[in-house]
Amino acid sequence: MSDIIMRTGEATVLAAEGQATDAMPEIVIGSLSGPVGHAFAGMLGQTVGHTRMFVVRDLNQMVRPATMMTTKATIHSEAYVELLGGVVQAATGDAIVDCVIEGVIPKAIVDDICMIVTIWLDPRCAEDENLDKSDLYRTNYEATKLAIARAMKGEPSIDTLIENRKTVKHYALDGVVDY
């Protein structure tokens, strides 16, 4: 049985030049019998514009720990759904299984915990005739692995956040706020 009540992690991996394939997953990991497990069960069903689905690597290959994914952006097209349920879901699933293989998630607890992953998939991806699906896979794979590792390690620590308070600025505030 896992003693993980709830851990959180996030990561950003930037796209290749000229692509809108940035990945920014946010992850919660926790016990099936705790708040994450309850939230996970509550997600079984759909919300208009925010598809929820189990993470699978391919047909009949649902990952362990059981993971539910949903979007941060509202879905407006079938092309978006196909990217989300195809390339992005595959990258997310591969990253989760690799985290178990590498010991980031202990194999002994995969049936006792679950995860919820919120996915950023830029709406422009569905309209881009020159979309590099391999870059979309890469960014989501790398970001998911990093977000899981950060959740399991409790990173960044509060000490890191305090140490960097005056030197790290949110990218959207560049030139807006003078620290």
N, C-alpha and C. Protein backbone atom coordinates (compact mmCIF):
# COMPACT_ATOMS: atom_id res chain seq x y z
N MET A 1 0.84 -1.18 0.00
CA MET A 1 0.00 0.00 0.00
C MET A 1 0.89 1.24 0.00
N SER A 2 0.48 2.25 -0.74
CA SER A 2 1.26 3.48 -0.87
C SER A 2 0.90 4.47 0.24
N ASP A 3 1.91 5.19 0.70
CA ASP A 3 1.65 6.24 1.68
C ASP A 3 1.60 7.62 1.02
N ILE A 4 1.51 7.64 -0.30
CA ILE A 4 1.44 8.90 -1.03
C ILE A 4 0.00 9.41 -0.97
N ILE A 5 -0.21 10.52 -0.29
CA ILE A 5 -1.55 11.12 -0.23
C ILE A 5 -1.78 11.96 -1.48
N MET A 6 -0.91 12.95 -1.69
CA MET A 6 -1.00 13.75 -2.90
C MET A 6 0.33 14.45 -3.15
N ARG A 7 0.82 14.28 -4.35
CA ARG A 7 2.02 14.98 -4.78
C ARG A 7 1.70 15.68 -6.08
N THR A 8 2.36 16.81 -6.29
CA THR A 8 2.08 17.60 -7.48
C THR A 8 3.37 17.92 -8.22
N GLY A 9 3.25 18.06 -9.53
CA GLY A 9 4.41 18.41 -10.33
C GLY A 9 3.97 19.05 -11.63
N GLU A 10 4.87 19.82 -12.19
CA GLU A 10 4.62 20.45 -13.49
C GLU A 10 5.95 20.62 -14.18
N ALA A 11 5.87 20.82 -15.49
CA ALA A 11 7.08 21.06 -16.26
C ALA A 11 6.69 21.72 -17.57
N THR A 12 7.64 22.42 -18.14
CA THR A 12 7.47 22.99 -19.47
C THR A 12 8.66 22.58 -20.32
N VAL A 13 8.37 22.07 -21.50
CA VAL A 13 9.40 21.78 -22.49
C VAL A 13 8.99 22.53 -23.74
N LEU A 14 9.89 23.34 -24.24
CA LEU A 14 9.59 24.21 -25.37
C LEU A 14 9.73 23.50 -26.71
N ALA A 15 8.94 23.97 -27.65
CA ALA A 15 8.88 23.41 -28.99
C ALA A 15 10.12 23.75 -29.79
N ALA A 16 10.30 23.00 -30.86
CA ALA A 16 11.33 23.33 -31.84
C ALA A 16 10.93 24.64 -32.52
N GLU A 17 11.89 25.32 -33.08
CA GLU A 17 11.65 26.59 -33.78
C GLU A 17 10.53 26.44 -34.80
N GLY A 18 9.58 27.36 -34.76
CA GLY A 18 8.50 27.39 -35.74
C GLY A 18 7.33 26.47 -35.43
N GLN A 19 7.38 25.77 -34.31
CA GLN A 19 6.30 24.86 -33.94
C GLN A 19 5.53 25.42 -32.74
N ALA A 20 4.27 25.02 -32.63
CA ALA A 20 3.43 25.41 -31.49
C ALA A 20 3.22 24.18 -30.61
N THR A 21 4.29 23.47 -30.38
CA THR A 21 4.19 22.18 -29.69
C THR A 21 4.74 22.20 -28.27
N ASP A 22 4.78 23.39 -27.65
CA ASP A 22 5.21 23.44 -26.25
C ASP A 22 4.35 22.48 -25.42
N ALA A 23 4.95 21.85 -24.44
CA ALA A 23 4.22 20.96 -23.54
C ALA A 23 4.35 21.49 -22.12
N MET A 24 3.22 21.51 -21.40
CA MET A 24 3.19 22.03 -20.03
C MET A 24 2.24 21.21 -19.16
N PRO A 25 2.53 19.93 -18.95
CA PRO A 25 1.62 19.13 -18.13
C PRO A 25 1.69 19.50 -16.66
N GLU A 26 0.56 19.36 -16.01
CA GLU A 26 0.47 19.49 -14.55
C GLU A 26 -0.07 18.16 -14.06
N ILE A 27 0.54 17.64 -13.01
CA ILE A 27 0.25 16.28 -12.56
C ILE A 27 -0.03 16.25 -11.08
N VAL A 28 -1.04 15.46 -10.71
CA VAL A 28 -1.23 15.09 -9.31
C VAL A 28 -1.13 13.58 -9.23
N ILE A 29 -0.46 13.12 -8.20
CA ILE A 29 -0.25 11.69 -7.97
C ILE A 29 -0.70 11.40 -6.55
N GLY A 30 -1.45 10.34 -6.37
CA GLY A 30 -1.86 10.01 -5.01
C GLY A 30 -2.51 8.65 -4.89
N SER A 31 -2.79 8.29 -3.66
CA SER A 31 -3.41 7.02 -3.33
C SER A 31 -4.81 6.92 -3.92
N LEU A 32 -5.17 5.72 -4.37
CA LEU A 32 -6.52 5.49 -4.87
C LEU A 32 -7.58 5.79 -3.81
N SER A 33 -7.24 5.60 -2.54
CA SER A 33 -8.21 5.82 -1.46
C SER A 33 -8.18 7.24 -0.91
N GLY A 34 -7.34 8.10 -1.46
CA GLY A 34 -7.22 9.47 -0.98
C GLY A 34 -7.89 10.47 -1.91
N PRO A 35 -7.58 11.75 -1.73
CA PRO A 35 -8.23 12.79 -2.53
C PRO A 35 -7.97 12.69 -4.03
N VAL A 36 -6.79 12.23 -4.43
CA VAL A 36 -6.51 12.08 -5.86
C VAL A 36 -7.36 10.95 -6.44
N GLY A 37 -7.47 9.86 -5.72
CA GLY A 37 -8.30 8.75 -6.16
C GLY A 37 -9.77 9.15 -6.29
N HIS A 38 -10.26 9.96 -5.35
CA HIS A 38 -11.64 10.43 -5.42
C HIS A 38 -11.84 11.37 -6.61
N ALA A 39 -10.88 12.25 -6.83
CA ALA A 39 -10.96 13.16 -7.99
C ALA A 39 -10.90 12.36 -9.29
N PHE A 40 -10.03 11.37 -9.32
CA PHE A 40 -9.89 10.50 -10.49
C PHE A 40 -11.24 9.85 -10.82
N ALA A 41 -11.87 9.24 -9.83
CA ALA A 41 -13.15 8.58 -10.05
C ALA A 41 -14.21 9.58 -10.49
N GLY A 42 -14.15 10.79 -9.95
CA GLY A 42 -15.11 11.84 -10.33
C GLY A 42 -14.94 12.32 -11.75
N MET A 43 -13.80 12.04 -12.35
CA MET A 43 -13.54 12.47 -13.73
C MET A 43 -14.09 11.49 -14.76
N LEU A 44 -14.63 10.36 -14.32
CA LEU A 44 -15.17 9.37 -15.25
C LEU A 44 -16.48 9.92 -15.83
N GLY A 45 -16.37 10.51 -16.93
CA GLY A 45 -17.48 11.17 -17.62
C GLY A 45 -16.89 12.34 -18.38
N GLN A 46 -17.69 12.97 -19.18
CA GLN A 46 -17.17 14.03 -20.03
C GLN A 46 -17.70 15.40 -19.64
N THR A 47 -16.91 16.41 -19.94
CA THR A 47 -17.28 17.80 -19.80
C THR A 47 -17.12 18.43 -21.18
N VAL A 48 -18.10 19.16 -21.62
CA VAL A 48 -18.06 19.74 -22.96
C VAL A 48 -16.77 20.55 -23.16
N GLY A 49 -16.04 20.20 -24.22
CA GLY A 49 -14.83 20.93 -24.58
C GLY A 49 -13.57 20.50 -23.87
N HIS A 50 -13.70 19.61 -22.88
CA HIS A 50 -12.52 19.15 -22.13
C HIS A 50 -12.60 17.63 -21.99
N THR A 51 -12.22 16.94 -23.06
CA THR A 51 -12.27 15.49 -23.09
C THR A 51 -11.40 14.91 -21.99
N ARG A 52 -11.91 13.89 -21.36
CA ARG A 52 -11.17 13.15 -20.34
C ARG A 52 -11.00 11.73 -20.85
N MET A 53 -9.81 11.20 -20.67
CA MET A 53 -9.57 9.83 -21.13
C MET A 53 -8.47 9.18 -20.31
N PHE A 54 -8.57 7.85 -20.20
CA PHE A 54 -7.47 7.11 -19.62
C PHE A 54 -6.26 7.25 -20.53
N VAL A 55 -5.09 7.26 -19.95
CA VAL A 55 -3.87 7.29 -20.75
C VAL A 55 -3.56 5.85 -21.15
N VAL A 56 -3.46 5.67 -22.46
CA VAL A 56 -3.08 4.37 -23.00
C VAL A 56 -1.88 4.57 -23.92
N ARG A 57 -1.06 3.56 -24.02
CA ARG A 57 0.07 3.61 -24.95
C ARG A 57 -0.37 3.23 -26.35
N ASP A 58 -1.39 2.39 -26.43
CA ASP A 58 -1.98 1.96 -27.69
C ASP A 58 -3.25 1.21 -27.32
N LEU A 59 -3.94 0.67 -28.28
CA LEU A 59 -5.15 -0.08 -27.99
C LEU A 59 -4.86 -1.17 -26.97
N ASN A 60 -5.71 -1.26 -25.96
CA ASN A 60 -5.61 -2.29 -24.91
C ASN A 60 -4.30 -2.23 -24.12
N GLN A 61 -3.71 -1.06 -24.01
CA GLN A 61 -2.45 -0.89 -23.29
C GLN A 61 -2.54 0.29 -22.31
N MET A 62 -3.55 0.25 -21.41
CA MET A 62 -3.70 1.31 -20.42
C MET A 62 -2.49 1.28 -19.47
N VAL A 63 -1.96 2.44 -19.18
CA VAL A 63 -0.76 2.51 -18.34
C VAL A 63 -1.09 2.25 -16.87
N ARG A 64 -0.06 1.90 -16.15
CA ARG A 64 -0.10 1.80 -14.69
C ARG A 64 1.00 2.68 -14.16
N PRO A 65 0.76 3.48 -13.16
CA PRO A 65 -0.52 3.64 -12.48
C PRO A 65 -1.59 4.19 -13.42
N ALA A 66 -2.85 3.83 -13.12
CA ALA A 66 -3.96 4.34 -13.91
C ALA A 66 -3.88 5.86 -13.93
N THR A 67 -4.01 6.43 -15.13
CA THR A 67 -3.85 7.87 -15.29
C THR A 67 -4.96 8.41 -16.16
N MET A 68 -5.56 9.50 -15.71
CA MET A 68 -6.60 10.20 -16.46
C MET A 68 -5.97 11.48 -16.99
N MET A 69 -6.23 11.79 -18.26
CA MET A 69 -5.73 13.04 -18.82
C MET A 69 -6.89 13.88 -19.32
N THR A 70 -6.71 15.18 -19.26
CA THR A 70 -7.69 16.14 -19.77
C THR A 70 -6.94 17.36 -20.27
N THR A 71 -7.65 18.25 -20.92
CA THR A 71 -7.00 19.40 -21.54
C THR A 71 -7.15 20.66 -20.70
N LYS A 72 -6.20 21.57 -20.91
CA LYS A 72 -6.28 22.91 -20.33
C LYS A 72 -7.00 23.86 -21.27
N ALA A 73 -6.94 23.57 -22.57
CA ALA A 73 -7.59 24.41 -23.58
C ALA A 73 -8.87 23.72 -24.03
N THR A 74 -9.86 24.52 -24.40
CA THR A 74 -11.12 23.97 -24.88
C THR A 74 -10.94 23.37 -26.27
N ILE A 75 -11.46 22.19 -26.44
CA ILE A 75 -11.37 21.47 -27.72
C ILE A 75 -12.44 22.00 -28.66
N HIS A 76 -12.01 22.35 -29.88
CA HIS A 76 -12.93 22.89 -30.88
C HIS A 76 -13.01 22.08 -32.17
N SER A 77 -12.15 21.06 -32.32
CA SER A 77 -12.14 20.36 -33.60
C SER A 77 -11.78 18.90 -33.43
N GLU A 78 -12.18 18.11 -34.41
CA GLU A 78 -11.84 16.69 -34.44
C GLU A 78 -10.33 16.51 -34.60
N ALA A 79 -9.69 17.39 -35.36
CA ALA A 79 -8.24 17.30 -35.54
C ALA A 79 -7.51 17.45 -34.21
N TYR A 80 -8.01 18.33 -33.36
CA TYR A 80 -7.43 18.53 -32.03
C TYR A 80 -7.58 17.25 -31.21
N VAL A 81 -8.77 16.67 -31.24
CA VAL A 81 -9.03 15.43 -30.50
C VAL A 81 -8.10 14.32 -30.97
N GLU A 82 -7.88 14.24 -32.28
CA GLU A 82 -7.01 13.20 -32.82
C GLU A 82 -5.56 13.38 -32.36
N LEU A 83 -5.09 14.62 -32.28
CA LEU A 83 -3.73 14.85 -31.78
C LEU A 83 -3.64 14.52 -30.29
N LEU A 84 -4.65 14.95 -29.54
CA LEU A 84 -4.67 14.70 -28.11
C LEU A 84 -4.72 13.20 -27.81
N GLY A 85 -5.63 12.49 -28.48
CA GLY A 85 -5.80 11.07 -28.23
C GLY A 85 -4.83 10.20 -29.00
N GLY A 86 -3.97 10.80 -29.77
CA GLY A 86 -2.98 10.07 -30.55
C GLY A 86 -1.58 10.35 -30.06
N VAL A 87 -0.94 11.32 -30.68
CA VAL A 87 0.46 11.63 -30.39
C VAL A 87 0.68 12.00 -28.92
N VAL A 88 -0.16 12.90 -28.41
CA VAL A 88 0.05 13.38 -27.03
C VAL A 88 -0.20 12.26 -26.02
N GLN A 89 -1.27 11.51 -26.22
CA GLN A 89 -1.58 10.41 -25.31
C GLN A 89 -0.47 9.35 -25.34
N ALA A 90 0.04 9.04 -26.53
CA ALA A 90 1.13 8.06 -26.65
C ALA A 90 2.39 8.54 -25.92
N ALA A 91 2.73 9.81 -26.11
CA ALA A 91 3.92 10.37 -25.44
C ALA A 91 3.75 10.34 -23.93
N THR A 92 2.57 10.70 -23.46
CA THR A 92 2.28 10.70 -22.03
C THR A 92 2.37 9.28 -21.48
N GLY A 93 1.77 8.34 -22.17
CA GLY A 93 1.80 6.95 -21.72
C GLY A 93 3.20 6.37 -21.70
N ASP A 94 3.97 6.64 -22.75
CA ASP A 94 5.35 6.15 -22.78
C ASP A 94 6.17 6.74 -21.64
N ALA A 95 5.96 8.02 -21.36
CA ALA A 95 6.70 8.67 -20.27
C ALA A 95 6.35 8.04 -18.92
N ILE A 96 5.09 7.72 -18.72
CA ILE A 96 4.67 7.12 -17.44
C ILE A 96 5.31 5.73 -17.28
N VAL A 97 5.23 4.91 -18.31
CA VAL A 97 5.83 3.57 -18.22
C VAL A 97 7.34 3.68 -18.02
N ASP A 98 7.98 4.60 -18.71
CA ASP A 98 9.43 4.77 -18.53
C ASP A 98 9.76 5.25 -17.11
N CYS A 99 8.90 6.04 -16.50
CA CYS A 99 9.13 6.45 -15.10
C CYS A 99 9.08 5.25 -14.17
N VAL A 100 8.23 4.27 -14.47
CA VAL A 100 8.20 3.04 -13.67
C VAL A 100 9.47 2.23 -13.94
N ILE A 101 9.84 2.07 -15.20
CA ILE A 101 11.04 1.32 -15.56
C ILE A 101 12.27 1.90 -14.87
N GLU A 102 12.35 3.24 -14.82
CA GLU A 102 13.52 3.92 -14.24
C GLU A 102 13.45 4.06 -12.73
N GLY A 103 12.35 3.62 -12.10
CA GLY A 103 12.23 3.67 -10.65
C GLY A 103 11.76 5.01 -10.09
N VAL A 104 11.43 5.95 -10.94
CA VAL A 104 10.90 7.24 -10.46
C VAL A 104 9.58 7.00 -9.75
N ILE A 105 8.76 6.14 -10.34
CA ILE A 105 7.55 5.63 -9.69
C ILE A 105 7.85 4.18 -9.32
N PRO A 106 7.83 3.86 -8.02
CA PRO A 106 8.14 2.48 -7.64
C PRO A 106 7.12 1.48 -8.22
N LYS A 107 7.61 0.44 -8.86
CA LYS A 107 6.76 -0.58 -9.47
C LYS A 107 5.81 -1.20 -8.44
N ALA A 108 6.26 -1.32 -7.21
CA ALA A 108 5.47 -1.98 -6.17
C ALA A 108 4.18 -1.23 -5.82
N ILE A 109 4.08 0.06 -6.20
CA ILE A 109 2.89 0.82 -5.80
C ILE A 109 1.98 1.19 -6.97
N VAL A 110 2.28 0.73 -8.18
CA VAL A 110 1.51 1.20 -9.35
C VAL A 110 0.03 0.86 -9.29
N ASP A 111 -0.35 -0.17 -8.57
CA ASP A 111 -1.78 -0.50 -8.47
C ASP A 111 -2.44 0.15 -7.26
N ASP A 112 -1.68 0.91 -6.47
CA ASP A 112 -2.21 1.59 -5.29
C ASP A 112 -2.39 3.08 -5.48
N ILE A 113 -1.81 3.62 -6.57
CA ILE A 113 -1.89 5.06 -6.82
C ILE A 113 -2.52 5.33 -8.18
N CYS A 114 -2.87 6.58 -8.39
CA CYS A 114 -3.35 7.01 -9.70
C CYS A 114 -2.81 8.41 -9.96
N MET A 115 -2.96 8.85 -11.20
CA MET A 115 -2.49 10.17 -11.57
C MET A 115 -3.55 10.87 -12.41
N ILE A 116 -3.54 12.17 -12.32
CA ILE A 116 -4.34 13.03 -13.20
C ILE A 116 -3.36 13.97 -13.87
N VAL A 117 -3.44 14.06 -15.19
CA VAL A 117 -2.55 14.92 -15.95
C VAL A 117 -3.39 15.91 -16.75
N THR A 118 -3.14 17.20 -16.55
CA THR A 118 -3.76 18.20 -17.40
C THR A 118 -2.75 18.54 -18.48
N ILE A 119 -3.22 18.54 -19.70
CA ILE A 119 -2.36 18.66 -20.88
C ILE A 119 -2.58 20.02 -21.54
N TRP A 120 -1.48 20.68 -21.91
CA TRP A 120 -1.56 21.86 -22.76
C TRP A 120 -1.26 21.41 -24.18
N LEU A 121 -2.25 21.53 -25.04
CA LEU A 121 -2.06 21.29 -26.46
C LEU A 121 -2.53 22.56 -27.16
N ASP A 122 -1.59 23.29 -27.70
CA ASP A 122 -1.90 24.56 -28.35
C ASP A 122 -2.94 24.35 -29.45
N PRO A 123 -4.05 25.09 -29.42
CA PRO A 123 -5.09 24.93 -30.45
C PRO A 123 -4.57 25.11 -31.87
N ARG A 124 -3.48 25.85 -32.05
CA ARG A 124 -2.91 26.04 -33.39
C ARG A 124 -2.38 24.74 -33.99
N CYS A 125 -2.04 23.76 -33.15
CA CYS A 125 -1.51 22.49 -33.66
C CYS A 125 -2.48 21.83 -34.63
N ALA A 126 -3.76 21.87 -34.31
CA ALA A 126 -4.75 21.19 -35.13
C ALA A 126 -4.91 21.82 -36.51
N GLU A 127 -4.51 23.08 -36.63
CA GLU A 127 -4.67 23.79 -37.90
C GLU A 127 -3.37 23.87 -38.70
N ASP A 128 -2.27 23.43 -38.11
CA ASP A 128 -0.95 23.59 -38.72
C ASP A 128 -0.65 22.48 -39.73
N GLU A 129 -0.61 22.84 -41.00
CA GLU A 129 -0.31 21.86 -42.05
C GLU A 129 1.12 21.33 -41.95
N ASN A 130 2.00 22.09 -41.31
CA ASN A 130 3.41 21.70 -41.17
C ASN A 130 3.75 21.22 -39.77
N LEU A 131 2.74 20.77 -39.04
CA LEU A 131 2.96 20.30 -37.67
C LEU A 131 3.97 19.17 -37.65
N ASP A 132 4.95 19.30 -36.80
CA ASP A 132 5.95 18.25 -36.62
C ASP A 132 5.47 17.36 -35.47
N LYS A 133 4.84 16.25 -35.80
CA LYS A 133 4.30 15.36 -34.78
C LYS A 133 5.39 14.75 -33.92
N SER A 134 6.58 14.57 -34.48
CA SER A 134 7.67 14.04 -33.67
C SER A 134 8.08 15.05 -32.60
N ASP A 135 8.01 16.35 -32.90
CA ASP A 135 8.31 17.36 -31.89
C ASP A 135 7.19 17.41 -30.84
N LEU A 136 5.95 17.25 -31.28
CA LEU A 136 4.83 17.19 -30.34
C LEU A 136 5.00 16.02 -29.39
N TYR A 137 5.41 14.87 -29.91
CA TYR A 137 5.69 13.71 -29.07
C TYR A 137 6.84 14.03 -28.10
N ARG A 138 7.94 14.55 -28.63
CA ARG A 138 9.13 14.83 -27.82
C ARG A 138 8.81 15.74 -26.65
N THR A 139 8.15 16.86 -26.92
CA THR A 139 7.89 17.83 -25.85
C THR A 139 6.99 17.23 -24.77
N ASN A 140 5.96 16.50 -25.18
CA ASN A 140 5.05 15.92 -24.20
C ASN A 140 5.70 14.78 -23.42
N TYR A 141 6.49 13.98 -24.08
CA TYR A 141 7.22 12.91 -23.40
C TYR A 141 8.17 13.48 -22.35
N GLU A 142 9.02 14.41 -22.78
CA GLU A 142 10.00 14.98 -21.86
C GLU A 142 9.34 15.72 -20.70
N ALA A 143 8.32 16.52 -21.00
CA ALA A 143 7.66 17.29 -19.95
C ALA A 143 6.93 16.40 -18.96
N THR A 144 6.31 15.34 -19.44
CA THR A 144 5.60 14.43 -18.54
C THR A 144 6.58 13.73 -17.61
N LYS A 145 7.68 13.24 -18.15
CA LYS A 145 8.69 12.60 -17.30
C LYS A 145 9.21 13.57 -16.24
N LEU A 146 9.48 14.79 -16.66
CA LEU A 146 10.01 15.79 -15.73
C LEU A 146 8.98 16.15 -14.66
N ALA A 147 7.72 16.31 -15.05
CA ALA A 147 6.67 16.65 -14.09
C ALA A 147 6.48 15.54 -13.06
N ILE A 148 6.52 14.28 -13.51
CA ILE A 148 6.39 13.15 -12.59
C ILE A 148 7.57 13.12 -11.62
N ALA A 149 8.77 13.28 -12.14
CA ALA A 149 9.97 13.27 -11.28
C ALA A 149 9.89 14.39 -10.25
N ARG A 150 9.46 15.56 -10.68
CA ARG A 150 9.34 16.68 -9.74
C ARG A 150 8.30 16.40 -8.67
N ALA A 151 7.19 15.79 -9.07
CA ALA A 151 6.15 15.45 -8.09
C ALA A 151 6.69 14.45 -7.07
N MET A 152 7.36 13.43 -7.54
CA MET A 152 7.85 12.39 -6.64
C MET A 152 8.96 12.89 -5.72
N LYS A 153 9.71 13.91 -6.17
CA LYS A 153 10.81 14.46 -5.36
C LYS A 153 10.41 15.71 -4.57
N GLY A 154 9.21 16.23 -4.81
CA GLY A 154 8.78 17.46 -4.13
C GLY A 154 9.54 18.68 -4.61
N GLU A 155 9.76 18.76 -5.91
CA GLU A 155 10.52 19.87 -6.49
C GLU A 155 9.61 20.83 -7.24
N PRO A 156 9.93 22.11 -7.22
CA PRO A 156 11.05 22.71 -6.51
C PRO A 156 10.74 22.81 -5.02
N SER A 157 11.75 22.72 -4.21
CA SER A 157 11.57 22.83 -2.76
C SER A 157 11.25 24.29 -2.40
N ILE A 158 10.69 24.47 -1.25
CA ILE A 158 10.40 25.83 -0.80
C ILE A 158 11.70 26.62 -0.65
N ASP A 159 12.78 25.96 -0.27
CA ASP A 159 14.07 26.66 -0.15
C ASP A 159 14.54 27.17 -1.51
N THR A 160 14.36 26.37 -2.56
CA THR A 160 14.72 26.81 -3.91
C THR A 160 13.87 28.00 -4.32
N LEU A 161 12.58 27.93 -4.05
CA LEU A 161 11.68 29.04 -4.40
C LEU A 161 12.06 30.33 -3.68
N ILE A 162 12.38 30.21 -2.41
CA ILE A 162 12.79 31.39 -1.63
C ILE A 162 14.12 31.94 -2.16
N GLU A 163 15.06 31.04 -2.43
CA GLU A 163 16.37 31.45 -2.93
C GLU A 163 16.27 32.19 -4.27
N ASN A 164 15.37 31.77 -5.12
CA ASN A 164 15.23 32.35 -6.45
C ASN A 164 14.13 33.40 -6.56
N ARG A 165 13.55 33.81 -5.46
CA ARG A 165 12.41 34.73 -5.49
C ARG A 165 12.69 36.01 -6.29
N LYS A 166 13.85 36.57 -6.17
CA LYS A 166 14.16 37.83 -6.84
C LYS A 166 14.86 37.66 -8.19
N THR A 167 15.26 36.44 -8.52
CA THR A 167 15.99 36.24 -9.77
C THR A 167 15.17 35.54 -10.85
N VAL A 168 14.15 34.79 -10.47
CA VAL A 168 13.31 34.10 -11.44
C VAL A 168 12.00 34.87 -11.57
N LYS A 169 11.68 35.24 -12.81
CA LYS A 169 10.46 36.00 -13.08
C LYS A 169 9.59 35.20 -14.04
N HIS A 170 8.30 35.33 -13.89
CA HIS A 170 7.37 34.69 -14.83
C HIS A 170 7.58 35.32 -16.20
N TYR A 171 7.64 34.48 -17.24
CA TYR A 171 7.94 34.96 -18.59
C TYR A 171 6.95 36.03 -19.06
N ALA A 172 5.70 35.96 -18.62
CA ALA A 172 4.69 36.92 -19.07
C ALA A 172 4.86 38.29 -18.44
N LEU A 173 5.69 38.39 -17.43
CA LEU A 173 5.89 39.66 -16.76
C LEU A 173 7.11 40.42 -17.25
N ASP A 174 7.79 39.89 -18.24
CA ASP A 174 8.98 40.54 -18.77
C ASP A 174 8.62 41.97 -19.24
N GLY A 175 9.19 42.95 -18.60
CA GLY A 175 8.94 44.36 -18.95
C GLY A 175 7.67 44.92 -18.36
N VAL A 176 6.85 44.10 -17.71
CA VAL A 176 5.58 44.56 -17.15
C VAL A 176 5.76 45.01 -15.71
N VAL A 177 6.49 44.22 -14.94
CA VAL A 177 6.69 44.49 -13.53
C VAL A 177 8.19 44.60 -13.27
N ASP A 178 8.58 45.63 -12.55
CA ASP A 178 9.97 45.76 -12.16
C ASP A 178 10.11 45.26 -10.73
N TYR A 179 10.83 44.19 -10.58
CA TYR A 179 11.01 43.58 -9.27
C TYR A 179 11.98 44.42 -8.50
